[in-house]
């Protein structure tokens, strides 16, 4: 049991790192948002398909051909459709919000508020959240604010942090509504993964999730955008990186990780993508220009708070004494 929990934590941490590092690759793309989402999803499908085929052939060779469980097969199809639809809606809403004017930092902060959405939605599904986890969620949100919303502040002081200019960034605009809806979409996606991942094959669920996302993205892409082959080919490095690592690998690791991790803790682990995005930017700037873009004091504090929240969330729950 402990080994499975550790496996889940490692999978989610690696997924968060891959998502965070993808922000750097995504910034280099020159295609529309739906084209980018469609291409990375298609790459993920192509990447996962041979792995599934090889895995199934190995299983048949080892155990013989097993009869198909129609109940599990139906659950797999349903899970793929639901998870894929939620992922498409969340990803599309995030990109629309950014395109309409939400800053990258603000979008990152609002999106990561799924760490609040997950336990709140869990209450409606009668999933209990112990008090310590609510404290951890609060600490993580504070860390996210310092990490994502203080990029323009040079003075490290409470006066600067709570100044009118800083607090004005919290005011909501029309574009921000899309990102708020995106956070809710990611909360739903996490909850659907929590529901289906223990019941079906994780690789196949990931494959179907991206198949649905790819189909929906391609449909919308041809309706609202004019994709050019030349633009797609010029962005091939970014698309392959996002399609293979951020999508094919990371989202599969999310499904495996959530199989062994409660959704509230899983959401906090995955929210570390914001911290990993900052750290990846340091490495990228160092490689490209030779001068690393170091985080500010606020950003370092935010990263420390987020990691502290994750560590506190792993404390074992005290068992009540029984007479």
C-alpha atoms as a PDB file:
ATOM      1  CA  UNK A   1       0.000   0.000   0.000  1.00  0.00           C
ATOM      2  CA  UNK A   2       2.783   2.455   0.916  1.00  0.00           C
ATOM      3  CA  UNK A   3       4.690   1.586  -2.264  1.00  0.00           C
ATOM      4  CA  UNK A   4       1.577   2.315  -4.354  1.00  0.00           C
ATOM      5  CA  UNK A   5       1.114   5.675  -2.626  1.00  0.00           C
ATOM      6  CA  UNK A   6       4.759   6.571  -3.280  1.00  0.00           C
ATOM      7  CA  UNK A   7       4.335   5.524  -6.927  1.00  0.00           C
ATOM      8  CA  UNK A   8       1.307   7.802  -7.200  1.00  0.00           C
ATOM      9  CA  UNK A   9       3.210  10.774  -5.736  1.00  0.00           C
ATOM     10  CA  UNK A  10       6.184  10.240  -8.052  1.00  0.00           C
ATOM     11  CA  UNK A  11       3.937   9.942 -11.115  1.00  0.00           C
ATOM     12  CA  UNK A  12       2.107  13.180 -10.296  1.00  0.00           C
ATOM     13  CA  UNK A  13       5.338  15.069  -9.552  1.00  0.00           C
ATOM     14  CA  UNK A  14       6.847  13.995 -12.870  1.00  0.00           C
ATOM     15  CA  UNK A  15       3.607  14.968 -14.639  1.00  0.00           C
ATOM     16  CA  UNK A  16       3.697  18.415 -12.989  1.00  0.00           C
ATOM     17  CA  UNK A  17       7.321  18.866 -14.068  1.00  0.00           C
ATOM     18  CA  UNK A  18       6.542  17.934 -17.670  1.00  0.00           C
ATOM     19  CA  UNK A  19       3.542  20.293 -17.766  1.00  0.00           C
ATOM     20  CA  UNK A  20       5.583  23.110 -16.255  1.00  0.00           C
ATOM     21  CA  UNK A  21       8.445  22.675 -18.711  1.00  0.00           C
ATOM     22  CA  UNK A  22       5.967  22.684 -21.596  1.00  0.00           C
ATOM     23  CA  UNK A  23       5.170  26.357 -21.010  1.00  0.00           C
ATOM     24  CA  UNK A  24       8.612  27.138 -22.401  1.00  0.00           C
ATOM     25  CA  UNK A  25       8.037  24.954 -25.471  1.00  0.00           C
ATOM     26  CA  UNK A  26       4.501  26.290 -25.958  1.00  0.00           C
ATOM     27  CA  UNK A  27       5.772  29.865 -26.060  1.00  0.00           C
ATOM     28  CA  UNK A  28       7.765  28.982 -29.182  1.00  0.00           C
ATOM     29  CA  UNK A  29       4.798  27.797 -31.246  1.00  0.00           C
ATOM     30  CA  UNK A  30       3.390  29.813 -34.141  1.00  0.00           C
ATOM     31  CA  UNK A  31      -0.007  28.189 -34.658  1.00  0.00           C
ATOM     32  CA  UNK A  32      -3.513  28.908 -33.380  1.00  0.00           C
ATOM     33  CA  UNK A  33      -4.671  27.532 -30.009  1.00  0.00           C
ATOM     34  CA  UNK A  34      -7.026  24.890 -31.425  1.00  0.00           C
ATOM     35  CA  UNK A  35      -4.468  23.853 -34.041  1.00  0.00           C
ATOM     36  CA  UNK A  36      -1.873  23.460 -31.306  1.00  0.00           C
ATOM     37  CA  UNK A  37      -4.264  21.484 -29.076  1.00  0.00           C
ATOM     38  CA  UNK A  38      -5.325  19.289 -32.005  1.00  0.00           C
ATOM     39  CA  UNK A  39      -1.765  18.548 -33.164  1.00  0.00           C
ATOM     40  CA  UNK A  40      -0.419  17.753 -29.697  1.00  0.00           C
ATOM     41  CA  UNK A  41      -3.414  15.465 -29.060  1.00  0.00           C
ATOM     42  CA  UNK A  42      -2.894  13.661 -32.381  1.00  0.00           C
ATOM     43  CA  UNK A  43       0.793  13.191 -31.535  1.00  0.00           C
ATOM     44  CA  UNK A  44      -0.206  11.790 -28.120  1.00  0.00           C
ATOM     45  CA  UNK A  45      -2.581   9.294 -29.772  1.00  0.00           C
ATOM     46  CA  UNK A  46       0.109   8.190 -32.250  1.00  0.00           C
ATOM     47  CA  UNK A  47       2.624   7.879 -29.402  1.00  0.00           C
ATOM     48  CA  UNK A  48       0.353   5.796 -27.135  1.00  0.00           C
ATOM     49  CA  UNK A  49      -1.125   3.441 -29.769  1.00  0.00           C
ATOM     50  CA  UNK A  50       1.964   1.262 -30.426  1.00  0.00           C
ATOM     51  CA  UNK A  51       2.685   1.083 -26.686  1.00  0.00           C
ATOM     52  CA  UNK A  52      -0.819  -0.276 -26.065  1.00  0.00           C
ATOM     53  CA  UNK A  53      -0.524  -2.760 -28.956  1.00  0.00           C
ATOM     54  CA  UNK A  54       2.846  -4.052 -27.703  1.00  0.00           C
ATOM     55  CA  UNK A  55       1.498  -4.287 -24.144  1.00  0.00           C
ATOM     56  CA  UNK A  56      -1.574  -6.259 -25.290  1.00  0.00           C
ATOM     57  CA  UNK A  57       0.507  -8.606 -27.476  1.00  0.00           C
ATOM     58  CA  UNK A  58       2.809  -9.288 -24.535  1.00  0.00           C
ATOM     59  CA  UNK A  59      -0.205  -9.983 -22.311  1.00  0.00           C
ATOM     60  CA  UNK A  60      -1.693 -12.420 -24.858  1.00  0.00           C
ATOM     61  CA  UNK A  61       1.647 -14.183 -25.240  1.00  0.00           C
ATOM     62  CA  UNK A  62       2.027 -14.500 -21.475  1.00  0.00           C
ATOM     63  CA  UNK A  63      -1.539 -15.270 -20.369  1.00  0.00           C
ATOM     64  CA  UNK A  64      -3.354 -16.264 -23.549  1.00  0.00           C
ATOM     65  CA  UNK A  65      -6.294 -14.414 -25.066  1.00  0.00           C
ATOM     66  CA  UNK A  66      -8.724 -13.458 -22.300  1.00  0.00           C
ATOM     67  CA  UNK A  67     -12.463 -12.954 -22.844  1.00  0.00           C
ATOM     68  CA  UNK A  68     -13.546  -9.324 -23.128  1.00  0.00           C
ATOM     69  CA  UNK A  69     -15.315  -8.001 -20.032  1.00  0.00           C
ATOM     70  CA  UNK A  70     -18.149  -5.985 -21.572  1.00  0.00           C
ATOM     71  CA  UNK A  71     -18.703  -4.071 -18.334  1.00  0.00           C
ATOM     72  CA  UNK A  72     -15.061  -2.934 -18.129  1.00  0.00           C
ATOM     73  CA  UNK A  73     -15.040  -2.153 -21.872  1.00  0.00           C
ATOM     74  CA  UNK A  74     -18.142   0.023 -21.514  1.00  0.00           C
ATOM     75  CA  UNK A  75     -16.626   1.798 -18.503  1.00  0.00           C
ATOM     76  CA  UNK A  76     -13.434   2.422 -20.488  1.00  0.00           C
ATOM     77  CA  UNK A  77     -15.325   3.967 -23.410  1.00  0.00           C
ATOM     78  CA  UNK A  78     -17.443   6.102 -21.100  1.00  0.00           C
ATOM     79  CA  UNK A  79     -14.405   7.227 -19.103  1.00  0.00           C
ATOM     80  CA  UNK A  80     -12.484   8.123 -22.250  1.00  0.00           C
ATOM     81  CA  UNK A  81     -15.381  10.176 -23.594  1.00  0.00           C
ATOM     82  CA  UNK A  82     -16.004  12.016 -20.319  1.00  0.00           C
ATOM     83  CA  UNK A  83     -12.329  12.667 -19.473  1.00  0.00           C
ATOM     84  CA  UNK A  84     -11.496  13.676 -23.036  1.00  0.00           C
ATOM     85  CA  UNK A  85     -14.414  16.101 -23.225  1.00  0.00           C
ATOM     86  CA  UNK A  86     -13.484  17.675 -19.888  1.00  0.00           C
ATOM     87  CA  UNK A  87      -9.846  18.030 -20.951  1.00  0.00           C
ATOM     88  CA  UNK A  88     -10.814  19.623 -24.277  1.00  0.00           C
ATOM     89  CA  UNK A  89     -13.186  22.135 -22.661  1.00  0.00           C
ATOM     90  CA  UNK A  90     -10.694  23.087 -19.928  1.00  0.00           C
ATOM     91  CA  UNK A  91      -7.750  23.479 -22.326  1.00  0.00           C
ATOM     92  CA  UNK A  92      -9.797  25.461 -24.850  1.00  0.00           C
ATOM     93  CA  UNK A  93     -11.241  27.838 -22.238  1.00  0.00           C
ATOM     94  CA  UNK A  94      -7.781  28.533 -20.839  1.00  0.00           C
ATOM     95  CA  UNK A  95      -6.377  29.423 -24.250  1.00  0.00           C
ATOM     96  CA  UNK A  96      -9.382  31.576 -25.158  1.00  0.00           C
ATOM     97  CA  UNK A  97      -8.989  33.528 -21.918  1.00  0.00           C
ATOM     98  CA  UNK A  98      -5.291  34.127 -22.603  1.00  0.00           C
ATOM     99  CA  UNK A  99      -5.995  35.148 -26.205  1.00  0.00           C
ATOM    100  CA  UNK A 100      -8.624  37.643 -25.022  1.00  0.00           C
ATOM    101  CA  UNK A 101      -6.271  39.368 -22.611  1.00  0.00           C
ATOM    102  CA  UNK A 102      -5.657  37.413 -19.395  1.00  0.00           C
ATOM    103  CA  UNK A 103      -1.971  37.638 -18.529  1.00  0.00           C
ATOM    104  CA  UNK A 104       0.011  34.407 -18.374  1.00  0.00           C
ATOM    105  CA  UNK A 105       0.676  34.846 -14.650  1.00  0.00           C
ATOM    106  CA  UNK A 106      -2.956  35.513 -13.836  1.00  0.00           C
ATOM    107  CA  UNK A 107      -4.073  32.612 -16.043  1.00  0.00           C
ATOM    108  CA  UNK A 108      -1.651  30.308 -14.208  1.00  0.00           C
ATOM    109  CA  UNK A 109      -2.941  31.453 -10.829  1.00  0.00           C
ATOM    110  CA  UNK A 110      -6.639  31.141 -11.704  1.00  0.00           C
ATOM    111  CA  UNK A 111      -6.181  27.810 -13.500  1.00  0.00           C
ATOM    112  CA  UNK A 112      -4.366  26.283 -10.539  1.00  0.00           C
ATOM    113  CA  UNK A 113      -7.341  27.158  -8.335  1.00  0.00           C
ATOM    114  CA  UNK A 114      -8.588  23.720  -9.290  1.00  0.00           C
ATOM    115  CA  UNK A 115      -6.873  22.781  -6.022  1.00  0.00           C
ATOM    116  CA  UNK A 116      -9.843  24.501  -4.374  1.00  0.00           C
ATOM    117  CA  UNK A 117     -12.379  23.203  -6.872  1.00  0.00           C
ATOM    118  CA  UNK A 118     -11.456  19.554  -6.351  1.00  0.00           C
ATOM    119  CA  UNK A 119     -12.192  19.320  -2.587  1.00  0.00           C
ATOM    120  CA  UNK A 120     -15.307  21.511  -2.979  1.00  0.00           C
ATOM    121  CA  UNK A 121     -16.667  19.249  -5.731  1.00  0.00           C
ATOM    122  CA  UNK A 122     -15.657  16.285  -3.583  1.00  0.00           C
ATOM    123  CA  UNK A 123     -18.027  17.482  -0.853  1.00  0.00           C
ATOM    124  CA  UNK A 124     -20.938  17.108  -3.282  1.00  0.00           C
ATOM    125  CA  UNK A 125     -19.724  13.581  -4.028  1.00  0.00           C
ATOM    126  CA  UNK A 126     -19.519  12.838  -0.274  1.00  0.00           C
ATOM    127  CA  UNK A 127     -15.707  12.643  -0.291  1.00  0.00           C
ATOM    128  CA  UNK A 128     -14.467  13.773   3.117  1.00  0.00           C
ATOM    129  CA  UNK A 129     -11.456  16.086   3.316  1.00  0.00           C
ATOM    130  CA  UNK A 130      -9.637  16.186   6.651  1.00  0.00           C
ATOM    131  CA  UNK A 131      -9.000  19.641   8.192  1.00  0.00           C
ATOM    132  CA  UNK A 132      -5.222  19.480   7.605  1.00  0.00           C
ATOM    133  CA  UNK A 133      -5.765  19.231   3.853  1.00  0.00           C
ATOM    134  CA  UNK A 134      -7.894  22.395   3.859  1.00  0.00           C
ATOM    135  CA  UNK A 135      -4.990  24.168   5.592  1.00  0.00           C
ATOM    136  CA  UNK A 136      -2.599  22.785   2.968  1.00  0.00           C
ATOM    137  CA  UNK A 137      -4.863  23.975   0.161  1.00  0.00           C
ATOM    138  CA  UNK A 138      -4.910  27.468   1.702  1.00  0.00           C
ATOM    139  CA  UNK A 139      -1.098  27.539   1.984  1.00  0.00           C
ATOM    140  CA  UNK A 140      -0.776  26.324  -1.614  1.00  0.00           C
ATOM    141  CA  UNK A 141      -3.155  29.032  -2.898  1.00  0.00           C
ATOM    142  CA  UNK A 142      -1.104  31.682  -1.064  1.00  0.00           C
ATOM    143  CA  UNK A 143       2.019  30.258  -2.665  1.00  0.00           C
ATOM    144  CA  UNK A 144       0.394  30.318  -6.096  1.00  0.00           C
ATOM    145  CA  UNK A 145      -0.534  33.967  -5.646  1.00  0.00           C
ATOM    146  CA  UNK A 146       3.047  34.924  -4.773  1.00  0.00           C
ATOM    147  CA  UNK A 147       4.385  32.815  -7.642  1.00  0.00           C
ATOM    148  CA  UNK A 148       2.014  33.897 -10.396  1.00  0.00           C
ATOM    149  CA  UNK A 149       0.802  37.396  -9.498  1.00  0.00           C
ATOM    150  CA  UNK A 150       3.867  39.287  -8.296  1.00  0.00           C
ATOM    151  CA  UNK A 151       6.094  39.231 -11.366  1.00  0.00           C
ATOM    152  CA  UNK A 152       6.212  43.035 -11.678  1.00  0.00           C
ATOM    153  CA  UNK A 153       7.142  43.647  -8.029  1.00  0.00           C
ATOM    154  CA  UNK A 154      10.800  44.306  -7.310  1.00  0.00           C
ATOM    155  CA  UNK A 155      10.466  45.475  -3.695  1.00  0.00           C
ATOM    156  CA  UNK A 156      10.112  42.552  -1.298  1.00  0.00           C
ATOM    157  CA  UNK A 157       7.826  43.994   1.377  1.00  0.00           C
ATOM    158  CA  UNK A 158       4.282  43.604   2.691  1.00  0.00           C
ATOM    159  CA  UNK A 159       3.572  47.208   1.732  1.00  0.00           C
ATOM    160  CA  UNK A 160       4.356  46.486  -1.919  1.00  0.00           C
ATOM    161  CA  UNK A 161       2.500  43.174  -1.823  1.00  0.00           C
ATOM    162  CA  UNK A 162      -0.734  44.721  -0.565  1.00  0.00           C
ATOM    163  CA  UNK A 163      -0.477  47.919  -2.576  1.00  0.00           C
ATOM    164  CA  UNK A 164      -3.369  49.094  -4.747  1.00  0.00           C
ATOM    165  CA  UNK A 165      -1.435  48.214  -7.921  1.00  0.00           C
ATOM    166  CA  UNK A 166      -0.920  44.624  -6.811  1.00  0.00           C
ATOM    167  CA  UNK A 167      -4.438  44.042  -5.514  1.00  0.00           C
ATOM    168  CA  UNK A 168      -5.910  45.556  -8.696  1.00  0.00           C
ATOM    169  CA  UNK A 169      -4.585  42.515 -10.566  1.00  0.00           C
ATOM    170  CA  UNK A 170      -7.220  40.444  -8.740  1.00  0.00           C
ATOM    171  CA  UNK A 171     -10.063  42.398 -10.361  1.00  0.00           C
ATOM    172  CA  UNK A 172     -11.972  40.221 -12.827  1.00  0.00           C
ATOM    173  CA  UNK A 173     -12.358  41.057 -16.498  1.00  0.00           C
ATOM    174  CA  UNK A 174     -14.423  39.305 -19.144  1.00  0.00           C
ATOM    175  CA  UNK A 175     -11.384  37.349 -20.325  1.00  0.00           C
ATOM    176  CA  UNK A 176     -10.805  36.070 -16.784  1.00  0.00           C
ATOM    177  CA  UNK A 177     -14.235  34.429 -16.719  1.00  0.00           C
ATOM    178  CA  UNK A 178     -13.028  31.972 -19.359  1.00  0.00           C
ATOM    179  CA  UNK A 179     -10.044  31.021 -17.202  1.00  0.00           C
ATOM    180  CA  UNK A 180     -12.252  30.603 -14.125  1.00  0.00           C
ATOM    181  CA  UNK A 181     -14.422  28.251 -16.177  1.00  0.00           C
ATOM    182  CA  UNK A 182     -11.211  26.509 -17.258  1.00  0.00           C
ATOM    183  CA  UNK A 183     -10.256  25.922 -13.595  1.00  0.00           C
ATOM    184  CA  UNK A 184     -13.655  24.345 -13.026  1.00  0.00           C
ATOM    185  CA  UNK A 185     -13.101  22.225 -16.141  1.00  0.00           C
ATOM    186  CA  UNK A 186      -9.787  20.936 -14.827  1.00  0.00           C
ATOM    187  CA  UNK A 187     -11.431  20.220 -11.459  1.00  0.00           C
ATOM    188  CA  UNK A 188     -14.015  18.095 -13.252  1.00  0.00           C
ATOM    189  CA  UNK A 189     -11.301  16.369 -15.291  1.00  0.00           C
ATOM    190  CA  UNK A 190      -9.406  15.470 -12.119  1.00  0.00           C
ATOM    191  CA  UNK A 191     -12.586  14.144 -10.499  1.00  0.00           C
ATOM    192  CA  UNK A 192     -13.477  12.058 -13.566  1.00  0.00           C
ATOM    193  CA  UNK A 193      -9.961  10.597 -13.644  1.00  0.00           C
ATOM    194  CA  UNK A 194     -10.381   9.785  -9.938  1.00  0.00           C
ATOM    195  CA  UNK A 195     -13.606   7.959 -10.771  1.00  0.00           C
ATOM    196  CA  UNK A 196     -12.447   5.918 -13.766  1.00  0.00           C
ATOM    197  CA  UNK A 197      -8.707   5.307 -13.275  1.00  0.00           C
ATOM    198  CA  UNK A 198      -9.082   2.555 -10.625  1.00  0.00           C
ATOM    199  CA  UNK A 199     -11.539   0.656 -12.855  1.00  0.00           C
ATOM    200  CA  UNK A 200      -9.792   0.450 -16.226  1.00  0.00           C
ATOM    201  CA  UNK A 201      -6.419   0.186 -17.957  1.00  0.00           C
ATOM    202  CA  UNK A 202      -4.638   3.535 -17.482  1.00  0.00           C
ATOM    203  CA  UNK A 203      -2.898   3.529 -20.867  1.00  0.00           C
ATOM    204  CA  UNK A 204      -6.114   2.837 -22.742  1.00  0.00           C
ATOM    205  CA  UNK A 205      -7.991   5.478 -20.779  1.00  0.00           C
ATOM    206  CA  UNK A 206      -5.286   8.012 -21.656  1.00  0.00           C
ATOM    207  CA  UNK A 207      -5.402   6.954 -25.320  1.00  0.00           C
ATOM    208  CA  UNK A 208      -9.181   7.379 -25.502  1.00  0.00           C
ATOM    209  CA  UNK A 209      -9.019  10.675 -23.610  1.00  0.00           C
ATOM    210  CA  UNK A 210      -6.672  12.139 -26.224  1.00  0.00           C
ATOM    211  CA  UNK A 211      -8.594  10.586 -29.091  1.00  0.00           C
ATOM    212  CA  UNK A 212     -11.691  12.480 -27.975  1.00  0.00           C
ATOM    213  CA  UNK A 213      -9.702  15.684 -27.382  1.00  0.00           C
ATOM    214  CA  UNK A 214      -8.077  15.369 -30.813  1.00  0.00           C
ATOM    215  CA  UNK A 215     -11.396  14.874 -32.638  1.00  0.00           C
ATOM    216  CA  UNK A 216     -13.074  17.805 -30.876  1.00  0.00           C
ATOM    217  CA  UNK A 217     -10.035  20.050 -31.408  1.00  0.00           C
ATOM    218  CA  UNK A 218      -9.803  19.175 -35.115  1.00  0.00           C
ATOM    219  CA  UNK A 219     -13.479  19.981 -35.640  1.00  0.00           C
ATOM    220  CA  UNK A 220     -13.199  23.387 -33.957  1.00  0.00           C
ATOM    221  CA  UNK A 221      -9.827  24.040 -35.626  1.00  0.00           C
ATOM    222  CA  UNK A 222     -11.312  23.827 -39.130  1.00  0.00           C
ATOM    223  CA  UNK A 223     -14.296  25.958 -38.081  1.00  0.00           C
ATOM    224  CA  UNK A 224     -12.560  28.905 -36.378  1.00  0.00           C
ATOM    225  CA  UNK A 225      -8.961  28.768 -37.659  1.00  0.00           C
ATOM    226  CA  UNK A 226      -7.117  28.450 -40.956  1.00  0.00           C
ATOM    227  CA  UNK A 227      -4.304  26.009 -40.188  1.00  0.00           C
ATOM    228  CA  UNK A 228      -1.340  26.078 -42.550  1.00  0.00           C
ATOM    229  CA  UNK A 229       0.909  23.065 -43.041  1.00  0.00           C
ATOM    230  CA  UNK A 230       3.944  25.351 -43.127  1.00  0.00           C
ATOM    231  CA  UNK A 231       3.083  26.853 -39.719  1.00  0.00           C
ATOM    232  CA  UNK A 232       2.577  23.405 -38.206  1.00  0.00           C
ATOM    233  CA  UNK A 233       5.884  22.136 -39.600  1.00  0.00           C
ATOM    234  CA  UNK A 234       7.716  25.231 -38.342  1.00  0.00           C
ATOM    235  CA  UNK A 235       6.430  24.450 -34.826  1.00  0.00           C
ATOM    236  CA  UNK A 236       7.206  20.731 -34.954  1.00  0.00           C
ATOM    237  CA  UNK A 237       9.641  20.743 -32.012  1.00  0.00           C
ATOM    238  CA  UNK A 238       7.122  22.400 -29.688  1.00  0.00           C
ATOM    239  CA  UNK A 239       4.267  20.187 -30.903  1.00  0.00           C
ATOM    240  CA  UNK A 240       6.262  16.963 -30.532  1.00  0.00           C
ATOM    241  CA  UNK A 241       7.498  17.945 -27.060  1.00  0.00           C
ATOM    242  CA  UNK A 242       3.999  18.814 -25.889  1.00  0.00           C
ATOM    243  CA  UNK A 243       2.374  15.876 -27.663  1.00  0.00           C
ATOM    244  CA  UNK A 244       4.756  13.178 -26.427  1.00  0.00           C
ATOM    245  CA  UNK A 245       5.933  14.396 -23.029  1.00  0.00           C
ATOM    246  CA  UNK A 246       3.268  16.837 -21.779  1.00  0.00           C
ATOM    247  CA  UNK A 247       0.317  14.921 -23.228  1.00  0.00           C
ATOM    248  CA  UNK A 248       1.171  11.285 -23.951  1.00  0.00           C
ATOM    249  CA  UNK A 249       3.472  10.772 -20.950  1.00  0.00           C
ATOM    250  CA  UNK A 250       2.320  13.355 -18.380  1.00  0.00           C
ATOM    251  CA  UNK A 251      -1.431  12.800 -18.644  1.00  0.00           C
ATOM    252  CA  UNK A 252      -0.907   9.039 -18.559  1.00  0.00           C
ATOM    253  CA  UNK A 253       1.159   9.524 -15.403  1.00  0.00           C
ATOM    254  CA  UNK A 254      -1.709  11.639 -14.024  1.00  0.00           C
ATOM    255  CA  UNK A 255      -4.106   8.747 -14.533  1.00  0.00           C
ATOM    256  CA  UNK A 256      -1.692   6.267 -12.916  1.00  0.00           C
ATOM    257  CA  UNK A 257      -0.913   8.670 -10.068  1.00  0.00           C
ATOM    258  CA  UNK A 258      -4.561   9.403  -9.288  1.00  0.00           C
ATOM    259  CA  UNK A 259      -5.210   5.684  -9.126  1.00  0.00           C
ATOM    260  CA  UNK A 260      -3.262   5.650  -5.839  1.00  0.00           C
ATOM    261  CA  UNK A 261      -3.671   9.250  -4.605  1.00  0.00           C
ATOM    262  CA  UNK A 262      -6.718  11.042  -3.130  1.00  0.00           C
ATOM    263  CA  UNK A 263      -7.925  13.773  -5.531  1.00  0.00           C
ATOM    264  CA  UNK A 264      -7.287  16.703  -3.152  1.00  0.00           C
ATOM    265  CA  UNK A 265      -3.645  15.709  -2.604  1.00  0.00           C
ATOM    266  CA  UNK A 266      -3.297  14.872  -6.303  1.00  0.00           C
ATOM    267  CA  UNK A 267      -4.501  18.352  -7.288  1.00  0.00           C
ATOM    268  CA  UNK A 268      -1.915  19.990  -4.993  1.00  0.00           C
ATOM    269  CA  UNK A 269       0.866  17.858  -6.442  1.00  0.00           C
ATOM    270  CA  UNK A 270      -0.189  18.743  -9.987  1.00  0.00           C
ATOM    271  CA  UNK A 271      -0.420  22.456  -9.159  1.00  0.00           C
ATOM    272  CA  UNK A 272       3.363  22.393  -8.776  1.00  0.00           C
ATOM    273  CA  UNK A 273       3.489  22.777 -12.553  1.00  0.00           C
ATOM    274  CA  UNK A 274       3.504  26.547 -11.873  1.00  0.00           C
ATOM    275  CA  UNK A 275       6.654  26.206  -9.769  1.00  0.00           C
ATOM    276  CA  UNK A 276       8.289  23.918 -12.311  1.00  0.00           C
ATOM    277  CA  UNK A 277       7.409  26.406 -15.066  1.00  0.00           C
ATOM    278  CA  UNK A 278       9.392  29.114 -13.258  1.00  0.00           C
ATOM    279  CA  UNK A 279      12.336  26.780 -12.637  1.00  0.00           C
ATOM    280  CA  UNK A 280      12.289  25.584 -16.277  1.00  0.00           C
ATOM    281  CA  UNK A 281      12.361  29.189 -17.465  1.00  0.00           C
ATOM    282  CA  UNK A 282      15.560  29.709 -15.452  1.00  0.00           C
ATOM    283  CA  UNK A 283      17.244  26.779 -17.198  1.00  0.00           C
ATOM    284  CA  UNK A 284      15.942  27.823 -20.625  1.00  0.00           C
ATOM    285  CA  UNK A 285      17.136  31.424 -20.247  1.00  0.00           C
ATOM    286  CA  UNK A 286      20.534  30.185 -19.039  1.00  0.00           C
ATOM    287  CA  UNK A 287      20.939  27.927 -22.101  1.00  0.00           C
ATOM    288  CA  UNK A 288      19.722  30.510 -24.631  1.00  0.00           C
ATOM    289  CA  UNK A 289      21.248  33.755 -23.358  1.00  0.00           C
ATOM    290  CA  UNK A 290      23.792  32.590 -20.781  1.00  0.00           C
ATOM    291  CA  UNK A 291      22.103  34.769 -18.155  1.00  0.00           C
ATOM    292  CA  UNK A 292      19.464  32.974 -16.039  1.00  0.00           C
ATOM    293  CA  UNK A 293      16.259  34.860 -15.259  1.00  0.00           C
ATOM    294  CA  UNK A 294      16.177  34.279 -11.519  1.00  0.00           C
ATOM    295  CA  UNK A 295      12.852  34.362  -9.629  1.00  0.00           C
ATOM    296  CA  UNK A 296      12.070  37.294  -7.363  1.00  0.00           C
ATOM    297  CA  UNK A 297      11.859  36.958  -3.595  1.00  0.00           C
ATOM    298  CA  UNK A 298       8.079  36.666  -3.857  1.00  0.00           C
ATOM    299  CA  UNK A 299       8.352  33.846  -6.401  1.00  0.00           C
ATOM    300  CA  UNK A 300      10.861  31.927  -4.280  1.00  0.00           C
ATOM    301  CA  UNK A 301       8.552  32.359  -1.268  1.00  0.00           C
ATOM    302  CA  UNK A 302       5.627  31.078  -3.332  1.00  0.00           C
ATOM    303  CA  UNK A 303       7.572  28.013  -4.427  1.00  0.00           C
ATOM    304  CA  UNK A 304       8.592  27.276  -0.829  1.00  0.00           C
ATOM    305  CA  UNK A 305       4.992  27.638   0.395  1.00  0.00           C
ATOM    306  CA  UNK A 306       3.716  25.267  -2.298  1.00  0.00           C
ATOM    307  CA  UNK A 307       6.296  22.600  -1.504  1.00  0.00           C
ATOM    308  CA  UNK A 308       5.568  23.056   2.223  1.00  0.00           C
ATOM    309  CA  UNK A 309       1.860  22.468   1.585  1.00  0.00           C
ATOM    310  CA  UNK A 310       2.680  19.285  -0.335  1.00  0.00           C
ATOM    311  CA  UNK A 311       4.899  17.988   2.483  1.00  0.00           C
ATOM    312  CA  UNK A 312       2.265  18.767   5.144  1.00  0.00           C
ATOM    313  CA  UNK A 313      -0.405  16.990   3.105  1.00  0.00           C
ATOM    314  CA  UNK A 314       1.618  13.770   3.359  1.00  0.00           C
ATOM    315  CA  UNK A 315       1.453  13.667   7.158  1.00  0.00           C
ATOM    316  CA  UNK A 316      -0.435  10.548   8.230  1.00  0.00           C
ATOM    317  CA  UNK A 317      -3.899  10.997   9.639  1.00  0.00           C
ATOM    318  CA  UNK A 318      -4.219  10.292  13.352  1.00  0.00           C
ATOM    319  CA  UNK A 319      -6.370   7.282  13.998  1.00  0.00           C
ATOM    320  CA  UNK A 320      -9.047   7.773  16.605  1.00  0.00           C
ATOM    321  CA  UNK A 321      -8.635   5.612  19.698  1.00  0.00           C
ATOM    322  CA  UNK A 322     -11.264   3.018  20.276  1.00  0.00           C
ATOM    323  CA  UNK A 323     -12.086   1.585  23.658  1.00  0.00           C
END
